[in-house]
PDB file of N, CA and C in Angstrom:
ATOM      1  N   MET A   1       0.749 -75.500  62.392  1.00  0.00           N
ATOM      2  CA  MET A   1       1.522 -75.328  61.169  1.00  0.00           C
ATOM      3  C   MET A   1       0.922 -74.159  60.387  1.00  0.00           C
ATOM      4  N   ASN A   2       1.775 -73.274  59.935  1.00  0.00           N
ATOM      5  CA  ASN A   2       1.357 -72.153  59.101  1.00  0.00           C
ATOM      6  C   ASN A   2       1.365 -72.597  57.640  1.00  0.00           C
ATOM      7  N   LEU A   3       0.269 -72.316  56.947  1.00  0.00           N
ATOM      8  CA  LEU A   3       0.147 -72.684  55.536  1.00  0.00           C
ATOM      9  C   LEU A   3      -0.117 -71.449  54.692  1.00  0.00           C
ATOM     10  N   ILE A   4       0.470 -71.440  53.515  1.00  0.00           N
ATOM     11  CA  ILE A   4       0.176 -70.434  52.503  1.00  0.00           C
ATOM     12  C   ILE A   4      -0.450 -71.168  51.336  1.00  0.00           C
ATOM     13  N   PHE A   5      -1.692 -70.831  51.021  1.00  0.00           N
ATOM     14  CA  PHE A   5      -2.346 -71.380  49.842  1.00  0.00           C
ATOM     15  C   PHE A   5      -2.006 -70.438  48.701  1.00  0.00           C
ATOM     16  N   LEU A   6      -1.123 -70.892  47.819  1.00  0.00           N
ATOM     17  CA  LEU A   6      -0.481 -70.018  46.838  1.00  0.00           C
ATOM     18  C   LEU A   6      -1.124 -70.098  45.465  1.00  0.00           C
ATOM     19  N   ASP A   7      -1.628 -68.955  45.018  1.00  0.00           N
ATOM     20  CA  ASP A   7      -1.979 -68.768  43.621  1.00  0.00           C
ATOM     21  C   ASP A   7      -0.724 -68.196  42.972  1.00  0.00           C
ATOM     22  N   ILE A   8      -0.480 -68.488  41.736  1.00  0.00           N
ATOM     23  CA  ILE A   8       0.756 -68.029  41.101  1.00  0.00           C
ATOM     24  C   ILE A   8       0.513 -66.855  40.169  1.00  0.00           C
ATOM     25  N   ASP A   9      -0.434 -66.987  39.242  1.00  0.00           N
ATOM     26  CA  ASP A   9      -0.686 -65.917  38.280  1.00  0.00           C
ATOM     27  C   ASP A   9      -1.223 -64.680  39.002  1.00  0.00           C
ATOM     28  N   GLY A  10      -0.520 -63.573  38.803  1.00  0.00           N
ATOM     29  CA  GLY A  10      -0.898 -62.330  39.450  1.00  0.00           C
ATOM     30  C   GLY A  10      -0.289 -62.162  40.828  1.00  0.00           C
ATOM     31  N   VAL A  11       0.335 -63.225  41.355  1.00  0.00           N
ATOM     32  CA  VAL A  11       0.993 -63.159  42.660  1.00  0.00           C
ATOM     33  C   VAL A  11       2.505 -63.235  42.470  1.00  0.00           C
ATOM     34  N   LEU A  12       2.963 -64.253  41.779  1.00  0.00           N
ATOM     35  CA  LEU A  12       4.395 -64.408  41.514  1.00  0.00           C
ATOM     36  C   LEU A  12       4.774 -63.976  40.099  1.00  0.00           C
ATOM     37  N   ASN A  13       3.786 -63.616  39.316  1.00  0.00           N
ATOM     38  CA  ASN A  13       4.066 -63.060  37.998  1.00  0.00           C
ATOM     39  C   ASN A  13       3.019 -61.986  37.697  1.00  0.00           C
ATOM     40  N   SER A  14       3.273 -61.224  36.677  1.00  0.00           N
ATOM     41  CA  SER A  14       2.355 -60.162  36.278  1.00  0.00           C
ATOM     42  C   SER A  14       2.575 -59.896  34.793  1.00  0.00           C
ATOM     43  N   VAL A  15       1.748 -59.060  34.233  1.00  0.00           N
ATOM     44  CA  VAL A  15       1.951 -58.672  32.841  1.00  0.00           C
ATOM     45  C   VAL A  15       3.313 -57.991  32.706  1.00  0.00           C
ATOM     46  N   ASP A  16       3.638 -57.123  33.643  1.00  0.00           N
ATOM     47  CA  ASP A  16       4.926 -56.418  33.585  1.00  0.00           C
ATOM     48  C   ASP A  16       6.109 -57.380  33.639  1.00  0.00           C
ATOM     49  N   SER A  17       6.048 -58.358  34.555  1.00  0.00           N
ATOM     50  CA  SER A  17       7.177 -59.289  34.655  1.00  0.00           C
ATOM     51  C   SER A  17       7.272 -60.168  33.409  1.00  0.00           C
ATOM     52  N   ALA A  18       6.133 -60.532  32.822  1.00  0.00           N
ATOM     53  CA  ALA A  18       6.154 -61.348  31.602  1.00  0.00           C
ATOM     54  C   ALA A  18       6.730 -60.560  30.428  1.00  0.00           C
ATOM     55  N   VAL A  19       6.353 -59.305  30.299  1.00  0.00           N
ATOM     56  CA  VAL A  19       6.881 -58.463  29.220  1.00  0.00           C
ATOM     57  C   VAL A  19       8.379 -58.256  29.402  1.00  0.00           C
ATOM     58  N   ALA A  20       8.796 -57.975  30.636  1.00  0.00           N
ATOM     59  CA  ALA A  20      10.221 -57.769  30.901  1.00  0.00           C
ATOM     60  C   ALA A  20      11.010 -59.048  30.615  1.00  0.00           C
ATOM     61  N   HIS A  21      10.468 -60.187  31.026  1.00  0.00           N
ATOM     62  CA  HIS A  21      11.160 -61.461  30.783  1.00  0.00           C
ATOM     63  C   HIS A  21      11.309 -61.704  29.292  1.00  0.00           C
ATOM     64  N   HIS A  22      10.238 -61.454  28.544  1.00  0.00           N
ATOM     65  CA  HIS A  22      10.293 -61.675  27.092  1.00  0.00           C
ATOM     66  C   HIS A  22      11.336 -60.756  26.443  1.00  0.00           C
ATOM     67  N   ALA A  23      11.435 -59.520  26.911  1.00  0.00           N
ATOM     68  CA  ALA A  23      12.418 -58.585  26.352  1.00  0.00           C
ATOM     69  C   ALA A  23      13.841 -59.050  26.657  1.00  0.00           C
ATOM     70  N   LEU A  24      14.054 -59.596  27.852  1.00  0.00           N
ATOM     71  CA  LEU A  24      15.391 -60.030  28.249  1.00  0.00           C
ATOM     72  C   LEU A  24      15.769 -61.410  27.728  1.00  0.00           C
ATOM     73  N   HIS A  25      14.753 -62.275  27.593  1.00  0.00           N
ATOM     74  CA  HIS A  25      14.992 -63.673  27.194  1.00  0.00           C
ATOM     75  C   HIS A  25      13.962 -64.093  26.136  1.00  0.00           C
ATOM     76  N   PRO A  26      14.034 -63.538  24.942  1.00  0.00           N
ATOM     77  CA  PRO A  26      12.986 -63.798  23.942  1.00  0.00           C
ATOM     78  C   PRO A  26      12.859 -65.255  23.501  1.00  0.00           C
ATOM     79  N   LYS A  27      13.883 -66.081  23.699  1.00  0.00           N
ATOM     80  CA  LYS A  27      13.813 -67.475  23.267  1.00  0.00           C
ATOM     81  C   LYS A  27      13.418 -68.420  24.393  1.00  0.00           C
ATOM     82  N   HIS A  28      13.226 -67.897  25.579  1.00  0.00           N
ATOM     83  CA  HIS A  28      12.900 -68.712  26.753  1.00  0.00           C
ATOM     84  C   HIS A  28      11.415 -68.515  27.072  1.00  0.00           C
ATOM     85  N   HIS A  29      10.566 -69.416  26.589  1.00  0.00           N
ATOM     86  CA  HIS A  29       9.127 -69.192  26.648  1.00  0.00           C
ATOM     87  C   HIS A  29       8.395 -69.950  27.742  1.00  0.00           C
ATOM     88  N   ARG A  30       9.028 -70.822  28.471  1.00  0.00           N
ATOM     89  CA  ARG A  30       8.319 -71.611  29.480  1.00  0.00           C
ATOM     90  C   ARG A  30       7.794 -70.703  30.582  1.00  0.00           C
ATOM     91  N   GLU A  31       6.489 -70.789  30.851  1.00  0.00           N
ATOM     92  CA  GLU A  31       5.858 -69.869  31.787  1.00  0.00           C
ATOM     93  C   GLU A  31       6.411 -69.959  33.198  1.00  0.00           C
ATOM     94  N   GLU A  32       6.882 -71.133  33.595  1.00  0.00           N
ATOM     95  CA  GLU A  32       7.394 -71.259  34.958  1.00  0.00           C
ATOM     96  C   GLU A  32       8.692 -70.479  35.164  1.00  0.00           C
ATOM     97  N   PHE A  33       9.328 -70.050  34.078  1.00  0.00           N
ATOM     98  CA  PHE A  33      10.538 -69.254  34.198  1.00  0.00           C
ATOM     99  C   PHE A  33      10.269 -67.780  33.923  1.00  0.00           C
ATOM    100  N   ARG A  34       8.996 -67.383  34.018  1.00  0.00           N
ATOM    101  CA  ARG A  34       8.620 -65.983  33.856  1.00  0.00           C
ATOM    102  C   ARG A  34       8.138 -65.373  35.170  1.00  0.00           C
ATOM    103  N   LEU A  35       8.466 -65.994  36.261  1.00  0.00           N
ATOM    104  CA  LEU A  35       8.063 -65.450  37.555  1.00  0.00           C
ATOM    105  C   LEU A  35       8.915 -64.229  37.886  1.00  0.00           C
ATOM    106  N   ASP A  36       8.365 -63.357  38.702  1.00  0.00           N
ATOM    107  CA  ASP A  36       9.081 -62.174  39.141  1.00  0.00           C
ATOM    108  C   ASP A  36      10.009 -62.584  40.286  1.00  0.00           C
ATOM    109  N   PRO A  37      11.322 -62.474  40.108  1.00  0.00           N
ATOM    110  CA  PRO A  37      12.246 -62.927  41.145  1.00  0.00           C
ATOM    111  C   PRO A  37      12.067 -62.182  42.475  1.00  0.00           C
ATOM    112  N   ILE A  38      11.633 -60.934  42.433  1.00  0.00           N
ATOM    113  CA  ILE A  38      11.387 -60.201  43.679  1.00  0.00           C
ATOM    114  C   ILE A  38      10.205 -60.809  44.421  1.00  0.00           C
ATOM    115  N   SER A  39       9.149 -61.141  43.692  1.00  0.00           N
ATOM    116  CA  SER A  39       7.980 -61.764  44.328  1.00  0.00           C
ATOM    117  C   SER A  39       8.341 -63.125  44.916  1.00  0.00           C
ATOM    118  N   VAL A  40       9.129 -63.896  44.194  1.00  0.00           N
ATOM    119  CA  VAL A  40       9.577 -65.192  44.721  1.00  0.00           C
ATOM    120  C   VAL A  40      10.412 -64.972  45.976  1.00  0.00           C
ATOM    121  N   GLY A  41      11.281 -63.980  45.959  1.00  0.00           N
ATOM    122  CA  GLY A  41      12.108 -63.678  47.117  1.00  0.00           C
ATOM    123  C   GLY A  41      11.284 -63.258  48.329  1.00  0.00           C
ATOM    124  N   LEU A  42      10.229 -62.483  48.098  1.00  0.00           N
ATOM    125  CA  LEU A  42       9.360 -62.072  49.203  1.00  0.00           C
ATOM    126  C   LEU A  42       8.592 -63.265  49.778  1.00  0.00           C
ATOM    127  N   LEU A  43       8.159 -64.173  48.909  1.00  0.00           N
ATOM    128  CA  LEU A  43       7.487 -65.382  49.384  1.00  0.00           C
ATOM    129  C   LEU A  43       8.453 -66.224  50.216  1.00  0.00           C
ATOM    130  N   LYS A  44       9.682 -66.338  49.755  1.00  0.00           N
ATOM    131  CA  LYS A  44      10.707 -67.084  50.502  1.00  0.00           C
ATOM    132  C   LYS A  44      10.917 -66.460  51.881  1.00  0.00           C
ATOM    133  N   LEU A  45      11.021 -65.146  51.928  1.00  0.00           N
ATOM    134  CA  LEU A  45      11.206 -64.449  53.193  1.00  0.00           C
ATOM    135  C   LEU A  45      10.020 -64.686  54.123  1.00  0.00           C
ATOM    136  N   LEU A  46       8.808 -64.616  53.588  1.00  0.00           N
ATOM    137  CA  LEU A  46       7.608 -64.866  54.387  1.00  0.00           C
ATOM    138  C   LEU A  46       7.628 -66.274  54.975  1.00  0.00           C
ATOM    139  N   CYS A  47       7.998 -67.246  54.160  1.00  0.00           N
ATOM    140  CA  CYS A  47       8.073 -68.633  54.647  1.00  0.00           C
ATOM    141  C   CYS A  47       9.134 -68.784  55.733  1.00  0.00           C
ATOM    142  N   GLU A  48      10.255 -68.122  55.552  1.00  0.00           N
ATOM    143  CA  GLU A  48      11.327 -68.222  56.546  1.00  0.00           C
ATOM    144  C   GLU A  48      10.922 -67.576  57.869  1.00  0.00           C
ATOM    145  N   ILE A  49      10.310 -66.403  57.801  1.00  0.00           N
ATOM    146  CA  ILE A  49       9.935 -65.675  59.020  1.00  0.00           C
ATOM    147  C   ILE A  49       8.830 -66.396  59.788  1.00  0.00           C
ATOM    148  N   THR A  50       7.875 -66.964  59.060  1.00  0.00           N
ATOM    149  CA  THR A  50       6.703 -67.571  59.709  1.00  0.00           C
ATOM    150  C   THR A  50       6.787 -69.083  59.796  1.00  0.00           C
ATOM    151  N   ASP A  51       7.834 -69.666  59.253  1.00  0.00           N
ATOM    152  CA  ASP A  51       7.978 -71.122  59.173  1.00  0.00           C
ATOM    153  C   ASP A  51       6.763 -71.754  58.477  1.00  0.00           C
ATOM    154  N   ALA A  52       6.294 -71.080  57.432  1.00  0.00           N
ATOM    155  CA  ALA A  52       5.106 -71.537  56.708  1.00  0.00           C
ATOM    156  C   ALA A  52       5.476 -72.560  55.643  1.00  0.00           C
ATOM    157  N   LYS A  53       4.521 -73.421  55.352  1.00  0.00           N
ATOM    158  CA  LYS A  53       4.608 -74.383  54.258  1.00  0.00           C
ATOM    159  C   LYS A  53       3.667 -73.903  53.157  1.00  0.00           C
ATOM    160  N   ILE A  54       3.928 -74.336  51.936  1.00  0.00           N
ATOM    161  CA  ILE A  54       3.143 -73.883  50.777  1.00  0.00           C
ATOM    162  C   ILE A  54       2.283 -75.014  50.243  1.00  0.00           C
ATOM    163  N   VAL A  55       1.019 -74.685  50.015  1.00  0.00           N
ATOM    164  CA  VAL A  55       0.083 -75.555  49.315  1.00  0.00           C
ATOM    165  C   VAL A  55      -0.296 -74.800  48.038  1.00  0.00           C
ATOM    166  N   ILE A  56      -0.040 -75.390  46.891  1.00  0.00           N
ATOM    167  CA  ILE A  56      -0.329 -74.740  45.619  1.00  0.00           C
ATOM    168  C   ILE A  56      -1.830 -74.809  45.356  1.00  0.00           C
ATOM    169  N   SER A  57      -2.460 -73.634  45.220  1.00  0.00           N
ATOM    170  CA  SER A  57      -3.894 -73.586  44.911  1.00  0.00           C
ATOM    171  C   SER A  57      -4.130 -73.019  43.515  1.00  0.00           C
ATOM    172  N   SER A  58      -3.076 -72.672  42.837  1.00  0.00           N
ATOM    173  CA  SER A  58      -3.118 -72.104  41.496  1.00  0.00           C
ATOM    174  C   SER A  58      -3.590 -73.134  40.470  1.00  0.00           C
ATOM    175  N   MET A  59      -4.091 -72.648  39.361  1.00  0.00           N
ATOM    176  CA  MET A  59      -4.428 -73.536  38.247  1.00  0.00           C
ATOM    177  C   MET A  59      -3.193 -74.322  37.788  1.00  0.00           C
ATOM    178  N   TRP A  60      -2.018 -73.831  38.083  1.00  0.00           N
ATOM    179  CA  TRP A  60      -0.782 -74.523  37.727  1.00  0.00           C
ATOM    180  C   TRP A  60      -0.734 -75.912  38.351  1.00  0.00           C
ATOM    181  N   ARG A  61      -1.448 -76.116  39.437  1.00  0.00           N
ATOM    182  CA  ARG A  61      -1.407 -77.408  40.132  1.00  0.00           C
ATOM    183  C   ARG A  61      -1.998 -78.526  39.282  1.00  0.00           C
ATOM    184  N   LEU A  62      -2.824 -78.167  38.287  1.00  0.00           N
ATOM    185  CA  LEU A  62      -3.488 -79.182  37.471  1.00  0.00           C
ATOM    186  C   LEU A  62      -2.554 -79.796  36.431  1.00  0.00           C
ATOM    187  N   SER A  63      -1.470 -79.098  36.106  1.00  0.00           N
ATOM    188  CA  SER A  63      -0.570 -79.599  35.063  1.00  0.00           C
ATOM    189  C   SER A  63       0.835 -79.905  35.574  1.00  0.00           C
ATOM    190  N   ARG A  64       1.026 -79.781  36.889  1.00  0.00           N
ATOM    191  CA  ARG A  64       2.356 -80.031  37.465  1.00  0.00           C
ATOM    192  C   ARG A  64       2.232 -80.822  38.752  1.00  0.00           C
ATOM    193  N   GLN A  65       3.221 -81.654  39.005  1.00  0.00           N
ATOM    194  CA  GLN A  65       3.305 -82.388  40.265  1.00  0.00           C
ATOM    195  C   GLN A  65       3.972 -81.505  41.314  1.00  0.00           C
ATOM    196  N   THR A  66       3.783 -81.845  42.570  1.00  0.00           N
ATOM    197  CA  THR A  66       4.355 -81.055  43.660  1.00  0.00           C
ATOM    198  C   THR A  66       5.858 -80.881  43.491  1.00  0.00           C
ATOM    199  N   GLY A  67       6.558 -81.933  43.122  1.00  0.00           N
ATOM    200  CA  GLY A  67       8.008 -81.858  42.949  1.00  0.00           C
ATOM    201  C   GLY A  67       8.447 -80.875  41.877  1.00  0.00           C
ATOM    202  N   GLU A  68       7.619 -80.661  40.876  1.00  0.00           N
ATOM    203  CA  GLU A  68       7.966 -79.707  39.824  1.00  0.00           C
ATOM    204  C   GLU A  68       8.043 -78.280  40.363  1.00  0.00           C
ATOM    205  N   PHE A  69       7.265 -77.993  41.398  1.00  0.00           N
ATOM    206  CA  PHE A  69       7.321 -76.662  41.995  1.00  0.00           C
ATOM    207  C   PHE A  69       8.650 -76.459  42.724  1.00  0.00           C
ATOM    208  N   HIS A  70       9.206 -77.531  43.272  1.00  0.00           N
ATOM    209  CA  HIS A  70      10.541 -77.423  43.877  1.00  0.00           C
ATOM    210  C   HIS A  70      11.560 -77.020  42.813  1.00  0.00           C
ATOM    211  N   ASP A  71      11.445 -77.617  41.635  1.00  0.00           N
ATOM    212  CA  ASP A  71      12.360 -77.292  40.535  1.00  0.00           C
ATOM    213  C   ASP A  71      12.181 -75.850  40.072  1.00  0.00           C
ATOM    214  N   ILE A  72      10.937 -75.403  39.984  1.00  0.00           N
ATOM    215  CA  ILE A  72      10.658 -74.031  39.551  1.00  0.00           C
ATOM    216  C   ILE A  72      11.287 -73.044  40.529  1.00  0.00           C
ATOM    217  N   PHE A  73      11.048 -73.248  41.831  1.00  0.00           N
ATOM    218  CA  PHE A  73      11.603 -72.327  42.817  1.00  0.00           C
ATOM    219  C   PHE A  73      13.125 -72.416  42.867  1.00  0.00           C
ATOM    220  N   ALA A  74      13.685 -73.593  42.641  1.00  0.00           N
ATOM    221  CA  ALA A  74      15.141 -73.748  42.615  1.00  0.00           C
ATOM    222  C   ALA A  74      15.752 -72.917  41.496  1.00  0.00           C
ATOM    223  N   HIS A  75      15.030 -72.777  40.391  1.00  0.00           N
ATOM    224  CA  HIS A  75      15.488 -71.947  39.280  1.00  0.00           C
ATOM    225  C   HIS A  75      15.732 -70.506  39.745  1.00  0.00           C
ATOM    226  N   TYR A  76      14.999 -70.079  40.742  1.00  0.00           N
ATOM    227  CA  TYR A  76      15.130 -68.724  41.288  1.00  0.00           C
ATOM    228  C   TYR A  76      16.032 -68.692  42.523  1.00  0.00           C
ATOM    229  N   GLY A  77      16.763 -69.767  42.758  1.00  0.00           N
ATOM    230  CA  GLY A  77      17.709 -69.811  43.851  1.00  0.00           C
ATOM    231  C   GLY A  77      17.139 -70.260  45.181  1.00  0.00           C
ATOM    232  N   TRP A  78      15.875 -70.680  45.179  1.00  0.00           N
ATOM    233  CA  TRP A  78      15.238 -71.119  46.421  1.00  0.00           C
ATOM    234  C   TRP A  78      15.279 -72.641  46.462  1.00  0.00           C
ATOM    235  N   ILE A  79      16.356 -73.143  47.004  1.00  0.00           N
ATOM    236  CA  ILE A  79      16.537 -74.586  47.121  1.00  0.00           C
ATOM    237  C   ILE A  79      15.719 -75.051  48.321  1.00  0.00           C
ATOM    238  N   ALA A  80      15.027 -76.140  48.180  1.00  0.00           N
ATOM    239  CA  ALA A  80      14.200 -76.718  49.253  1.00  0.00           C
ATOM    240  C   ALA A  80      13.038 -75.824  49.657  1.00  0.00           C
ATOM    241  N   ALA A  81      12.358 -75.246  48.672  1.00  0.00           N
ATOM    242  CA  ALA A  81      11.136 -74.485  48.969  1.00  0.00           C
ATOM    243  C   ALA A  81      10.144 -75.421  49.662  1.00  0.00           C
ATOM    244  N   PRO A  82       9.437 -74.940  50.677  1.00  0.00           N
ATOM    245  CA  PRO A  82       8.581 -75.812  51.478  1.00  0.00           C
ATOM    246  C   PRO A  82       7.206 -76.078  50.854  1.00  0.00           C
ATOM    247  N   VAL A  83       7.211 -76.511  49.598  1.00  0.00           N
ATOM    248  CA  VAL A  83       5.956 -76.876  48.933  1.00  0.00           C
ATOM    249  C   VAL A  83       5.600 -78.286  49.387  1.00  0.00           C
ATOM    250  N   ILE A  84       4.461 -78.425  50.048  1.00  0.00           N
ATOM    251  CA  ILE A  84       4.101 -79.726  50.613  1.00  0.00           C
ATOM    252  C   ILE A  84       2.927 -80.405  49.922  1.00  0.00           C
ATOM    253  N   SER A  85       2.133 -79.626  49.151  1.00  0.00           N
ATOM    254  CA  SER A  85       0.958 -80.243  48.549  1.00  0.00           C
ATOM    255  C   SER A  85       0.331 -79.312  47.519  1.00  0.00           C
ATOM    256  N   ARG A  86      -0.718 -79.826  46.894  1.00  0.00           N
ATOM    257  CA  ARG A  86      -1.564 -79.062  45.976  1.00  0.00           C
ATOM    258  C   ARG A  86      -3.001 -79.264  46.421  1.00  0.00           C
ATOM    259  N   THR A  87      -3.849 -78.267  46.209  1.00  0.00           N
ATOM    260  CA  THR A  87      -5.264 -78.451  46.513  1.00  0.00           C
ATOM    261  C   THR A  87      -5.869 -79.390  45.472  1.00  0.00           C
ATOM    262  N   PRO A  88      -6.888 -80.137  45.851  1.00  0.00           N
ATOM    263  CA  PRO A  88      -7.474 -81.091  44.906  1.00  0.00           C
ATOM    264  C   PRO A  88      -8.310 -80.402  43.832  1.00  0.00           C
ATOM    265  N   ASN A  89      -8.491 -81.087  42.737  1.00  0.00           N
ATOM    266  CA  ASN A  89      -9.383 -80.626  41.680  1.00  0.00           C
ATOM    267  C   ASN A  89     -10.776 -81.136  42.016  1.00  0.00           C
ATOM    268  N   LEU A  90     -11.664 -80.246  42.408  1.00  0.00           N
ATOM    269  CA  LEU A  90     -13.011 -80.641  42.803  1.00  0.00           C
ATOM    270  C   LEU A  90     -13.975 -80.645  41.624  1.00  0.00           C
ATOM    271  N   GLY A  91     -13.479 -80.236  40.442  1.00  0.00           N
ATOM    272  CA  GLY A  91     -14.300 -80.267  39.251  1.00  0.00           C
ATOM    273  C   GLY A  91     -15.359 -79.179  39.184  1.00  0.00           C
ATOM    274  N   THR A  92     -15.253 -78.162  40.035  1.00  0.00           N
ATOM    275  CA  THR A  92     -16.212 -77.068  40.013  1.00  0.00           C
ATOM    276  C   THR A  92     -15.805 -76.047  38.980  1.00  0.00           C
ATOM    277  N   GLN A  93     -16.735 -75.202  38.587  1.00  0.00           N
ATOM    278  CA  GLN A  93     -16.461 -74.201  37.551  1.00  0.00           C
ATOM    279  C   GLN A  93     -15.438 -73.167  38.026  1.00  0.00           C
ATOM    280  N   ARG A  94     -15.574 -72.681  39.227  1.00  0.00           N
ATOM    281  CA  ARG A  94     -14.655 -71.675  39.752  1.00  0.00           C
ATOM    282  C   ARG A  94     -13.727 -72.335  40.767  1.00  0.00           C
ATOM    283  N   GLY A  95     -12.442 -72.134  40.657  1.00  0.00           N
ATOM    284  CA  GLY A  95     -11.491 -72.645  41.611  1.00  0.00           C
ATOM    285  C   GLY A  95     -11.059 -74.069  41.346  1.00  0.00           C
ATOM    286  N   TYR A  96     -11.423 -74.619  40.252  1.00  0.00           N
ATOM    287  CA  TYR A  96     -11.039 -75.950  39.806  1.00  0.00           C
ATOM    288  C   TYR A  96     -10.340 -76.718  40.899  1.00  0.00           C
TER     289      TYR A  96
END
Protein backbone atom coordinates (compact mmCIF):
# COMPACT_ATOMS: atom_id res chain seq x y z
CA MET A 1 0.00 0.00 0.00
CA ASN A 2 1.30 3.44 -0.92
CA LEU A 3 0.96 6.02 1.85
CA ILE A 4 1.33 9.78 1.85
CA PHE A 5 2.05 11.27 5.26
CA LEU A 6 0.49 14.68 4.68
CA ASP A 7 1.46 17.91 6.34
CA ILE A 8 -0.99 20.65 5.40
CA ASP A 9 0.52 24.03 6.29
CA GLY A 10 2.99 24.99 3.59
CA VAL A 11 1.94 22.03 1.43
CA LEU A 12 -1.74 22.59 0.69
CA ASN A 13 -1.72 26.23 1.71
CA SER A 14 0.74 29.10 1.74
CA VAL A 15 0.92 32.74 2.68
CA ASP A 16 0.03 33.60 -0.92
CA SER A 17 -3.02 31.34 -0.99
CA ALA A 18 -4.21 32.68 2.39
CA VAL A 19 -3.86 36.30 1.25
CA ALA A 20 -5.63 35.56 -2.03
CA HIS A 21 -8.44 33.72 -0.21
CA HIS A 22 -8.90 36.61 2.21
CA ALA A 23 -9.08 39.09 -0.69
CA LEU A 24 -11.68 36.98 -2.50
CA HIS A 25 -13.67 35.84 0.55
CA PRO A 26 -13.07 38.31 3.40
CA LYS A 27 -15.94 36.94 5.54
CA HIS A 28 -14.92 33.28 5.22
CA HIS A 29 -12.25 32.79 7.89
CA ARG A 30 -12.16 29.04 8.56
CA GLU A 31 -8.62 27.85 7.87
CA GLU A 32 -9.70 24.58 6.30
CA PHE A 33 -11.28 26.58 3.47
CA ARG A 34 -8.07 28.48 2.74
CA LEU A 35 -6.30 25.64 0.98
CA ASP A 36 -4.86 26.19 -2.46
CA PRO A 37 -7.20 24.37 -4.88
CA ILE A 38 -4.31 23.67 -7.28
CA SER A 39 -2.32 21.99 -4.52
CA VAL A 40 -5.35 19.93 -3.51
CA GLY A 41 -5.84 18.97 -7.16
CA LEU A 42 -2.21 17.87 -7.48
CA LEU A 43 -2.51 15.76 -4.33
CA LYS A 44 -5.66 14.17 -5.76
CA LEU A 45 -3.85 13.41 -9.01
CA LEU A 46 -0.92 11.88 -7.11
CA CYS A 47 -3.29 9.65 -5.14
CA GLU A 48 -5.09 8.57 -8.29
CA ILE A 49 -1.90 7.77 -10.23
CA THR A 50 -0.21 5.89 -7.38
CA ASP A 51 -3.32 4.51 -5.66
CA ALA A 52 -1.98 6.09 -2.47
CA LYS A 53 -3.84 6.54 0.80
CA ILE A 54 -3.38 9.59 3.04
CA VAL A 55 -2.31 9.64 6.66
CA ILE A 56 -2.57 13.13 8.16
CA SER A 57 0.67 14.05 9.94
CA SER A 58 -0.07 17.77 10.16
CA MET A 59 -0.74 19.59 13.41
CA TRP A 60 -4.30 19.80 12.05
CA ARG A 61 -4.72 16.16 13.11
CA LEU A 62 -4.81 17.24 16.77
CA SER A 63 -8.01 19.27 16.39
CA ARG A 64 -9.87 17.28 13.74
CA GLN A 65 -11.14 13.74 13.31
CA THR A 66 -10.28 11.72 10.21
CA GLY A 67 -13.79 12.19 8.82
CA GLU A 68 -13.45 15.97 8.98
CA PHE A 69 -10.66 15.76 6.41
CA HIS A 70 -13.08 14.05 4.03
CA ASP A 71 -15.37 17.06 4.42
CA ILE A 72 -12.51 19.52 3.87
CA PHE A 73 -11.40 17.80 0.66
CA ALA A 74 -15.03 17.50 -0.51
CA HIS A 75 -15.24 21.29 -0.27
CA TYR A 76 -12.62 21.34 -3.05
CA GLY A 77 -14.53 18.83 -5.16
CA TRP A 78 -12.59 15.76 -4.04
CA ILE A 79 -15.33 13.40 -2.98
CA ALA A 80 -14.07 10.26 -1.21
CA ALA A 81 -10.51 11.46 -0.61
CA PRO A 82 -8.53 8.42 0.60
CA VAL A 83 -7.76 9.74 4.08
CA ILE A 84 -7.40 6.63 6.22
CA SER A 85 -5.79 7.80 9.45
CA ARG A 86 -3.88 10.37 11.47
CA THR A 87 -0.48 9.94 13.10
CA PRO A 88 -0.65 9.66 16.88
CA ASN A 89 0.21 12.44 19.29
CA LEU A 90 3.37 11.18 20.98
CA GLY A 91 3.59 14.24 23.23
CA THR A 92 7.07 15.19 22.01
CA GLN A 93 8.16 18.78 21.52
CA ARG A 94 8.75 18.48 17.77
CA GLY A 95 6.24 16.67 15.57
CA TYR A 96 3.56 16.41 18.24
